Protein backbone atom coordinates (compact mmCIF):
# COMPACT_ATOMS: atom_id res chain seq x y z
CA UNK A 1 -5.78 -9.97 -33.33
CA UNK A 2 -7.61 -8.19 -30.48
CA UNK A 3 -6.16 -8.28 -27.00
CA UNK A 4 -7.86 -10.59 -24.50
CA UNK A 5 -9.26 -9.60 -21.09
CA UNK A 6 -6.60 -11.52 -19.07
CA UNK A 7 -3.85 -9.59 -20.86
CA UNK A 8 -5.47 -6.26 -19.98
CA UNK A 9 -5.82 -7.38 -16.36
CA UNK A 10 -2.16 -8.39 -16.26
CA UNK A 11 -1.06 -5.05 -17.71
CA UNK A 12 -3.05 -3.13 -15.09
CA UNK A 13 -1.63 -5.22 -12.22
CA UNK A 14 1.87 -4.71 -13.63
CA UNK A 15 1.28 -0.94 -13.74
CA UNK A 16 0.09 -1.00 -10.12
CA UNK A 17 3.16 -2.93 -8.97
CA UNK A 18 5.35 -0.47 -10.87
CA UNK A 19 3.58 2.41 -9.04
CA UNK A 20 2.39 3.83 -12.36
CA UNK A 21 -1.26 3.65 -11.30
CA UNK A 22 -1.97 5.37 -8.01
CA UNK A 23 -4.71 4.52 -5.49
CA UNK A 24 -7.99 6.03 -6.68
CA UNK A 25 -6.88 6.33 -10.32
CA UNK A 26 -9.90 6.24 -12.62
CA UNK A 27 -10.00 3.55 -15.31
CA UNK A 28 -12.39 4.69 -18.01
CA UNK A 29 -13.82 1.90 -20.16
CA UNK A 30 -13.76 3.96 -23.35
CA UNK A 31 -10.20 5.18 -22.83
CA UNK A 32 -8.95 1.66 -22.13
CA UNK A 33 -10.81 0.31 -25.15
CA UNK A 34 -9.10 2.92 -27.33
CA UNK A 35 -5.72 2.25 -25.74
CA UNK A 36 -5.87 -1.52 -26.21
CA UNK A 37 -7.80 -1.34 -29.49
CA UNK A 38 -10.59 -3.59 -28.29
CA UNK A 39 -14.26 -3.44 -27.38
CA UNK A 40 -15.59 -2.03 -24.13
CA UNK A 41 -17.01 -5.50 -23.44
CA UNK A 42 -13.49 -6.94 -23.23
CA UNK A 43 -12.35 -4.04 -21.05
CA UNK A 44 -15.33 -4.54 -18.74
CA UNK A 45 -14.49 -8.23 -18.45
CA UNK A 46 -10.89 -7.39 -17.53
CA UNK A 47 -11.98 -4.87 -14.91
CA UNK A 48 -14.56 -7.29 -13.48
CA UNK A 49 -11.78 -9.86 -13.05
CA UNK A 50 -9.67 -7.29 -11.21
CA UNK A 51 -12.59 -6.28 -9.01
CA UNK A 52 -12.97 -9.93 -7.95
CA UNK A 53 -9.26 -9.94 -7.11
CA UNK A 54 -9.55 -6.77 -5.00
CA UNK A 55 -7.43 -4.52 -7.24
CA UNK A 56 -10.15 -2.25 -8.66
CA UNK A 57 -13.66 -1.33 -7.65
CA UNK A 58 -16.65 0.20 -9.36
CA UNK A 59 -19.02 2.99 -8.39
CA UNK A 60 -22.30 3.88 -10.04
CA UNK A 61 -21.21 7.52 -10.16
CA UNK A 62 -17.44 7.34 -10.62
CA UNK A 63 -17.09 4.21 -12.75
CA UNK A 64 -14.06 1.96 -12.38
CA UNK A 65 -11.07 3.03 -10.32
CA UNK A 66 -8.06 1.56 -8.50
CA UNK A 67 -8.81 0.72 -4.87
CA UNK A 68 -7.81 2.99 -2.00
CA UNK A 69 -7.22 0.56 0.88
CA UNK A 70 -8.41 1.60 4.33
CA UNK A 71 -6.19 1.24 7.40
CA UNK A 72 -7.96 -1.99 8.35
CA UNK A 73 -7.55 -3.36 4.83
CA UNK A 74 -3.86 -2.43 4.92
CA UNK A 75 -3.37 -4.33 8.16
CA UNK A 76 -5.25 -7.35 6.83
CA UNK A 77 -3.25 -7.40 3.60
CA UNK A 78 0.05 -7.52 5.47
CA UNK A 79 -1.27 -10.16 7.85
CA UNK A 80 -2.38 -12.27 4.89
CA UNK A 81 1.01 -11.97 3.22
CA UNK A 82 2.77 -12.91 6.44
CA UNK A 83 0.65 -16.05 6.84
CA UNK A 84 0.96 -17.10 3.19
CA UNK A 85 4.67 -16.48 2.73
CA UNK A 86 5.74 -17.88 6.08
CA UNK A 87 3.62 -21.00 5.56
CA UNK A 88 4.93 -21.40 2.04
CA UNK A 89 8.56 -21.41 3.20
CA UNK A 90 7.76 -23.66 6.17
CA UNK A 91 5.98 -26.31 4.09
CA UNK A 92 8.36 -26.33 1.11
CA UNK A 93 11.04 -28.95 0.85
CA UNK A 94 14.67 -28.35 -0.19
CA UNK A 95 14.89 -25.92 -3.09
CA UNK A 96 16.47 -27.21 -6.29
CA UNK A 97 19.54 -25.71 -7.94
CA UNK A 98 17.58 -24.56 -10.99
CA UNK A 99 15.11 -22.71 -8.75
CA UNK A 100 17.96 -21.11 -6.82
CA UNK A 101 19.46 -19.92 -10.10
CA UNK A 102 16.11 -18.36 -11.02
CA UNK A 103 15.90 -16.56 -7.67
CA UNK A 104 19.48 -15.32 -7.91
CA UNK A 105 18.83 -14.07 -11.45
CA UNK A 106 15.86 -12.14 -10.11
CA UNK A 107 18.06 -10.65 -7.37
CA UNK A 108 20.56 -9.53 -9.98
CA UNK A 109 17.78 -7.72 -11.86
CA UNK A 110 16.72 -6.06 -8.59
CA UNK A 111 20.28 -4.85 -7.94
CA UNK A 112 20.60 -3.52 -11.49
CA UNK A 113 17.29 -1.68 -11.14
CA UNK A 114 18.47 -0.08 -7.89
CA UNK A 115 21.46 1.38 -9.74
CA UNK A 116 19.26 2.70 -12.55
CA UNK A 117 16.76 5.53 -12.68
CA UNK A 118 13.65 3.56 -13.65
CA UNK A 119 11.61 3.64 -10.44
CA UNK A 120 8.78 1.67 -12.03
CA UNK A 121 10.97 -1.30 -12.92
CA UNK A 122 12.57 -1.21 -9.48
CA UNK A 123 9.21 -1.21 -7.71
CA UNK A 124 7.87 -4.00 -9.90
CA UNK A 125 10.89 -6.26 -9.40
CA UNK A 126 10.92 -5.79 -5.62
CA UNK A 127 7.28 -6.83 -5.43
CA UNK A 128 7.61 -9.59 -8.01
CA UNK A 129 10.35 -11.27 -5.95
CA UNK A 130 7.64 -12.67 -3.67
CA UNK A 131 5.72 -14.04 -6.65
CA UNK A 132 8.92 -15.53 -8.06
CA UNK A 133 9.71 -17.12 -4.69
CA UNK A 134 6.29 -18.79 -4.52
CA UNK A 135 6.75 -20.16 -8.04
CA UNK A 136 10.23 -21.46 -7.23
CA UNK A 137 8.91 -23.12 -4.07
CA UNK A 138 6.46 -25.01 -6.28
CA UNK A 139 3.09 -23.38 -5.62
CA UNK A 140 1.74 -21.56 -8.66
CA UNK A 141 -1.68 -21.06 -7.05
CA UNK A 142 -0.16 -19.13 -4.14
CA UNK A 143 2.04 -17.27 -6.62
CA UNK A 144 -1.11 -15.89 -8.27
CA UNK A 145 -2.56 -15.00 -4.87
CA UNK A 146 0.65 -13.25 -3.83
CA UNK A 147 0.68 -11.25 -7.05
CA UNK A 148 -2.64 -9.72 -6.04
CA UNK A 149 -1.60 -9.14 -2.43
CA UNK A 150 1.68 -7.61 -3.57
CA UNK A 151 -0.20 -5.26 -5.87
CA UNK A 152 -2.46 -4.26 -2.98
CA UNK A 153 0.45 -3.66 -0.60
CA UNK A 154 2.11 -1.56 -3.30
CA UNK A 155 -1.00 0.62 -3.37
CA UNK A 156 -0.94 0.73 0.43
CA UNK A 157 2.68 1.89 0.38
CA UNK A 158 1.78 4.66 -2.07
CA UNK A 159 -1.34 5.72 -0.19
CA UNK A 160 0.33 5.81 3.23
CA UNK A 161 3.63 7.27 1.95
CA UNK A 162 5.94 4.44 2.92
CA UNK A 163 9.44 5.48 3.97
CA UNK A 164 10.85 2.00 3.40
CA UNK A 165 14.18 1.92 1.58
CA UNK A 166 14.26 -0.06 -1.66
CA UNK A 167 17.88 -1.07 -1.08
CA UNK A 168 16.91 -2.58 2.27
CA UNK A 169 14.17 -4.62 0.60
CA UNK A 170 16.67 -5.99 -1.90
CA UNK A 171 19.11 -6.85 0.89
CA UNK A 172 16.31 -8.61 2.79
CA UNK A 173 15.56 -10.68 -0.31
CA UNK A 174 19.24 -11.61 -0.64
CA UNK A 175 19.32 -12.85 2.96
CA UNK A 176 16.15 -14.91 2.50
CA UNK A 177 17.52 -16.64 -0.60
CA UNK A 178 20.86 -17.26 1.14
CA UNK A 179 19.07 -18.97 4.03
CA UNK A 180 17.10 -21.14 1.61
CA UNK A 181 20.29 -22.07 -0.20
CA UNK A 182 21.81 -23.22 3.10
CA UNK A 183 18.72 -25.33 3.73
CA UNK A 184 17.75 -23.21 6.76
CA UNK A 185 13.98 -22.97 6.25
CA UNK A 186 13.31 -21.72 9.79
CA UNK A 187 15.82 -18.89 9.35
CA UNK A 188 14.32 -18.00 5.96
CA UNK A 189 10.85 -17.92 7.49
CA UNK A 190 12.01 -15.66 10.32
CA UNK A 191 13.72 -13.34 7.82
CA UNK A 192 10.54 -13.18 5.73
CA UNK A 193 8.46 -12.26 8.77
CA UNK A 194 10.98 -9.61 9.72
CA UNK A 195 11.00 -8.25 6.16
CA UNK A 196 7.21 -7.95 5.91
CA UNK A 197 7.06 -6.40 9.38
CA UNK A 198 9.70 -3.82 8.46
CA UNK A 199 7.83 -2.85 5.30
CA UNK A 200 4.57 -2.52 7.25
CA UNK A 201 6.13 -0.44 10.03
CA UNK A 202 7.45 2.04 7.45
CA UNK A 203 3.89 3.09 6.54
CA UNK A 204 2.85 6.54 7.73
CA UNK A 205 -0.56 5.45 8.97
CA UNK A 206 -2.31 8.26 10.88
CA UNK A 207 -3.21 7.54 14.48
CA UNK A 208 -6.81 6.53 15.10
CA UNK A 209 -6.79 7.71 18.73
CA UNK A 210 -8.03 11.16 17.73
CA UNK A 211 -10.84 10.95 15.16
CA UNK A 212 -10.74 14.73 14.70
CA UNK A 213 -6.96 14.90 14.09
CA UNK A 214 -7.16 15.51 10.34
CA UNK A 215 -9.95 18.08 10.65
CA UNK A 216 -8.23 19.72 13.62
CA UNK A 217 -5.00 20.17 11.69
CA UNK A 218 -6.79 21.45 8.59
CA UNK A 219 -8.88 24.05 10.45
CA UNK A 220 -6.27 25.26 12.95
CA UNK A 221 -5.69 29.05 12.59
CA UNK A 222 -2.48 29.99 10.86
CA UNK A 223 0.17 31.28 13.24
CA UNK A 224 0.78 35.02 13.02
CA UNK A 225 -2.44 35.89 11.19
CA UNK A 226 -4.97 38.47 12.34
CA UNK A 227 -7.59 35.74 12.64
CA UNK A 228 -5.32 33.70 14.91
CA UNK A 229 -4.60 36.67 17.16
CA UNK A 230 -8.29 37.62 17.38
CA UNK A 231 -9.29 34.02 18.14
CA UNK A 232 -6.77 33.83 20.98
CA UNK A 233 -7.90 37.20 22.33
CA UNK A 234 -11.55 36.08 22.27
CA UNK A 235 -10.71 32.93 24.23
CA UNK A 236 -8.77 34.96 26.82
CA UNK A 237 -11.61 37.49 27.21
CA UNK A 238 -14.14 34.67 27.70
CA UNK A 239 -11.96 33.01 30.32
CA UNK A 240 -11.45 36.32 32.16
CA UNK A 241 -15.20 36.96 32.32
CA UNK A 242 -15.85 33.49 33.70
CA UNK A 243 -13.10 33.86 36.28
CA UNK A 244 -14.43 37.23 37.43
CA UNK A 245 -17.98 35.91 37.76
CA UNK A 246 -16.87 32.66 39.37
CA UNK A 247 -18.83 30.65 36.80
CA UNK A 248 -17.66 27.23 35.67
CA UNK A 249 -16.98 26.74 31.96
CA UNK A 250 -20.10 25.71 30.13
CA UNK A 251 -19.76 22.68 27.83
CA UNK A 252 -22.30 24.31 25.50
CA UNK A 253 -20.37 27.58 25.20
CA UNK A 254 -19.35 27.94 21.55
CA UNK A 255 -16.01 29.61 22.29
CA UNK A 256 -15.06 26.82 24.70
CA UNK A 257 -15.99 24.18 22.13
CA UNK A 258 -14.12 25.93 19.32
CA UNK A 259 -11.02 26.27 21.47
CA UNK A 260 -11.12 22.58 22.35
CA UNK A 261 -11.71 21.58 18.75
CA UNK A 262 -8.96 23.63 17.20
């Protein structure tokens, strides 16, 4: 029996959450059709579903590929998660014992994954905790939404080289569940906000104050090279000539502009 489009979509999201598909990874229709032993029509349907969910995108030239979230999209994704997860905890009633057992079982899997060497499983379980929490709090619709947002924030963490510690994430989850077990919804909500904020602050997002920062760093002369020494000498000679003539630096002078740029 051929695989269905929703199953392909689920497998791709799972791979994203496990950090096995990086931002910008190309998803060729023919390759996926061969991999899943299905038609390209089914693959295209699966990818179209994921595009609607904001996980993949399509380009006329490049085809289908995993999204590469911008800095603004990264900020919005974390803001959305904060609103959804905080509101979910705030509006939920007391959590039942069976749901607590499910959450604690998930935490045990997280702890086991931290001790193991399978980074993919560890990454998936840490992200899936938030989906599991939404399900245990009785909102399957928000659980589906959080699965997509968690996948997107996983891509954001990969793209912006997050320094967040996996063990800290697990410990944060433990504290949130403990607060829910005590019936302290406000404390659980505060812990969730703190957790999401900590994960967001660990991103190495480049500063936007200097739009030329990346180009400046890339084109800066290498220290100790002949080119670097000559460039410095040229700048010094230009400055000496201006000083001797009493002329003010010209904003159109190419050596002045190059020195300011690099």
